[in-house]
Amino acid sequence: MALMPILHHPDPRLRIKARPVVDFGPALQKLVDDMFETMYAAPGVGLAATQVGVALRLAVMDAGEETPEPRVMINPEVLDAGDRMEMEEGCLSVPDASEKVQRYNRLRVRALDRNGEAYELDVEGLRAQAIQHEIDHLDGKLYIDYLSSLKRERILKKLRKQQQRDNA
């Protein structure tokens, strides 16, 4: 397994809409393992393939609040959703920033596991939020896209300053 670099905004690869996974061979298995290692090292609760520069509809997550719950979601789709609520959200691709966004508080999703086996899942709370966040990544969206222009610009200004310090 190997750590992968996580792309940061404004990298244009974060805006690419990922294509469906069709090959479940050894390359995908290595990618899944590397993504889990990268996510845990970050540390984060989810990581989409687009965040590591791979334009495939694949996300890994572990939003277990008390015990680990590693999950692979390939070609995920939302089947049903509950009510919207405001939730605090951050992102590994927009480091050291967070803001409240509207998300569904519960979801029913369908996805494939790392072996291509289909499953459906009912989730709520942090798990539902993480799935929506990762699906957004697979569609080329970031949580900051849901913010007012003022809040988004404040976060982006902070991010630019941080990048300038890192490059100095």
Protein backbone atom coordinates (compact mmCIF):
# COMPACT_ATOMS: atom_id res chain seq x y z
CA MET A 1 0.00 0.00 0.00
CA ALA A 2 1.09 3.56 -0.62
CA LEU A 3 0.04 7.03 0.41
CA MET A 4 -1.32 9.11 -2.45
CA PRO A 5 -1.16 12.91 -2.72
CA ILE A 6 -4.53 14.54 -2.09
CA LEU A 7 -5.42 17.25 -4.59
CA HIS A 8 -6.25 20.67 -3.20
CA HIS A 9 -8.57 23.30 -4.58
CA PRO A 10 -8.20 24.92 -7.16
CA ASP A 11 -6.71 21.85 -8.92
CA PRO A 12 -8.89 21.42 -12.06
CA ARG A 13 -8.93 17.62 -11.68
CA LEU A 14 -11.28 18.09 -8.73
CA ARG A 15 -13.90 19.39 -11.19
CA ILE A 16 -13.84 16.34 -13.48
CA LYS A 17 -16.96 14.18 -13.49
CA ALA A 18 -15.76 10.64 -12.78
CA ARG A 19 -16.57 7.75 -15.12
CA PRO A 20 -18.13 4.47 -13.93
CA VAL A 21 -15.89 1.65 -12.76
CA VAL A 22 -16.09 -1.39 -15.04
CA ASP A 23 -12.84 -3.26 -14.23
CA PHE A 24 -12.59 -4.83 -10.78
CA GLY A 25 -9.13 -6.32 -11.33
CA PRO A 26 -5.86 -5.96 -9.40
CA ALA A 27 -5.33 -2.28 -10.31
CA LEU A 28 -8.67 -1.34 -8.72
CA GLN A 29 -7.91 -3.45 -5.63
CA LYS A 30 -4.57 -1.65 -5.16
CA LEU A 31 -6.26 1.72 -5.67
CA VAL A 32 -8.86 0.90 -2.98
CA ASP A 33 -6.13 -0.16 -0.52
CA ASP A 34 -4.03 2.94 -1.26
CA MET A 35 -7.06 5.21 -0.88
CA PHE A 36 -7.91 3.73 2.54
CA GLU A 37 -4.32 4.21 3.69
CA THR A 38 -4.34 7.80 2.40
CA MET A 39 -7.72 8.59 4.01
CA TYR A 40 -6.72 7.24 7.42
CA ALA A 41 -3.34 9.03 7.31
CA ALA A 42 -4.92 12.40 6.40
CA PRO A 43 -6.99 11.81 8.67
CA GLY A 44 -10.44 11.89 7.09
CA VAL A 45 -13.74 10.02 7.11
CA GLY A 46 -14.01 9.74 3.32
CA LEU A 47 -11.96 10.02 0.13
CA ALA A 48 -13.12 10.02 -3.47
CA ALA A 49 -10.89 8.77 -6.28
CA THR A 50 -11.10 12.20 -7.93
CA GLN A 51 -9.35 13.65 -4.87
CA VAL A 52 -6.27 11.58 -5.71
CA GLY A 53 -6.44 12.35 -9.43
CA VAL A 54 -8.28 9.21 -10.57
CA ALA A 55 -11.48 9.95 -12.50
CA LEU A 56 -13.39 6.82 -11.45
CA ARG A 57 -16.68 6.62 -9.51
CA LEU A 58 -15.06 5.16 -6.42
CA ALA A 59 -15.05 6.40 -2.84
CA VAL A 60 -13.82 4.91 0.41
CA MET A 61 -15.06 5.98 3.79
CA ASP A 62 -15.09 5.16 7.45
CA ALA A 63 -17.67 7.26 9.22
CA GLY A 64 -17.98 4.87 12.14
CA GLU A 65 -18.42 7.14 15.13
CA GLU A 66 -17.61 4.54 17.80
CA THR A 67 -16.17 1.55 15.92
CA PRO A 68 -14.43 1.43 12.54
CA GLU A 69 -16.77 0.90 9.58
CA PRO A 70 -14.63 0.88 6.41
CA ARG A 71 -16.79 0.99 3.30
CA VAL A 72 -16.08 0.94 -0.43
CA MET A 73 -18.66 2.58 -2.67
CA ILE A 74 -18.31 2.05 -6.40
CA ASN A 75 -20.73 3.69 -8.84
CA PRO A 76 -22.90 4.91 -5.92
CA GLU A 77 -26.38 6.28 -6.45
CA VAL A 78 -28.91 7.78 -4.04
CA LEU A 79 -32.25 5.95 -4.13
CA ASP A 80 -34.10 7.92 -1.45
CA ALA A 81 -33.40 10.81 0.89
CA GLY A 82 -34.85 12.28 4.05
CA ASP A 83 -35.16 15.87 5.16
CA ARG A 84 -32.48 18.49 4.67
CA MET A 85 -30.60 19.86 7.64
CA GLU A 86 -27.63 22.10 8.21
CA MET A 87 -24.40 20.25 8.97
CA GLU A 88 -20.83 21.40 9.59
CA GLU A 89 -18.59 20.14 6.81
CA GLY A 90 -14.93 20.19 5.85
CA CYS A 91 -12.88 18.56 3.11
CA LEU A 92 -9.39 17.13 2.68
CA SER A 93 -9.19 19.02 -0.64
CA VAL A 94 -10.03 22.32 1.08
CA PRO A 95 -7.81 21.93 4.16
CA ASP A 96 -8.25 23.71 7.48
CA ALA A 97 -11.67 25.13 6.63
CA SER A 98 -15.23 24.16 7.45
CA GLU A 99 -18.67 25.66 7.05
CA LYS A 100 -22.31 24.68 7.46
CA VAL A 101 -24.07 23.25 4.40
CA GLN A 102 -27.49 21.73 3.72
CA ARG A 103 -27.45 17.91 3.47
CA TYR A 104 -30.03 15.16 3.68
CA ASN A 105 -30.11 13.66 7.18
CA ARG A 106 -30.79 10.14 5.90
CA LEU A 107 -30.22 8.24 2.65
CA ARG A 108 -30.84 4.96 0.95
CA VAL A 109 -28.00 4.26 -1.48
CA ARG A 110 -27.04 1.56 -3.94
CA ALA A 111 -23.41 0.83 -4.79
CA LEU A 112 -20.96 -1.90 -5.68
CA ASP A 113 -18.35 -3.20 -3.27
CA ARG A 114 -14.68 -3.68 -4.23
CA ASN A 115 -15.55 -7.03 -5.88
CA GLY A 116 -18.41 -5.64 -7.97
CA GLU A 117 -21.16 -7.03 -5.75
CA ALA A 118 -24.20 -4.74 -5.48
CA TYR A 119 -25.56 -3.69 -2.10
CA GLU A 120 -28.05 -1.20 -0.71
CA LEU A 121 -27.58 0.73 2.49
CA ASP A 122 -29.71 2.91 4.76
CA VAL A 123 -27.68 5.54 6.61
CA GLU A 124 -28.22 8.69 8.61
CA GLY A 125 -26.23 11.45 10.29
CA LEU A 126 -22.49 11.55 9.61
CA ARG A 127 -22.62 8.49 7.33
CA ALA A 128 -25.29 10.12 5.14
CA GLN A 129 -23.34 13.36 5.07
CA ALA A 130 -20.09 11.59 4.10
CA ILE A 131 -21.77 9.70 1.27
CA GLN A 132 -23.30 12.89 -0.16
CA HIS A 133 -19.95 14.66 0.14
CA GLU A 134 -18.09 11.88 -1.71
CA ILE A 135 -20.75 11.57 -4.43
CA ASP A 136 -20.39 15.32 -4.96
CA HIS A 137 -16.66 14.80 -5.51
CA LEU A 138 -17.42 12.13 -8.11
CA ASP A 139 -19.65 14.68 -9.86
CA GLY A 140 -16.91 17.36 -9.81
CA LYS A 141 -18.43 19.36 -6.96
CA LEU A 142 -16.99 20.62 -3.67
CA TYR A 143 -18.87 21.52 -0.52
CA ILE A 144 -17.81 25.14 -0.97
CA ASP A 145 -19.99 25.26 -4.10
CA TYR A 146 -23.03 25.28 -1.79
CA LEU A 147 -21.88 28.34 0.15
CA SER A 148 -22.72 31.97 -0.40
CA SER A 149 -20.13 33.80 -2.49
CA LEU A 150 -19.00 35.71 0.61
CA LYS A 151 -18.38 32.57 2.69
CA ARG A 152 -16.76 30.77 -0.26
CA GLU A 153 -14.41 33.70 -0.95
CA ARG A 154 -13.41 33.88 2.72
CA ILE A 155 -12.42 30.19 2.67
CA LEU A 156 -10.62 30.51 -0.68
CA LYS A 157 -8.68 33.57 0.53
CA LYS A 158 -7.53 31.60 3.58
CA LEU A 159 -6.57 28.67 1.35
CA ARG A 160 -4.56 30.93 -1.02
CA LYS A 161 -2.66 32.44 1.92
CA GLN A 162 -1.86 28.98 3.23
CA GLN A 163 -0.65 27.82 -0.21
CA GLN A 164 1.57 30.90 -0.48
CA ARG A 165 3.11 30.13 2.92
CA ASP A 166 3.65 26.49 1.91
CA ASN A 167 5.36 27.54 -1.34
CA ALA A 168 7.60 30.17 0.31
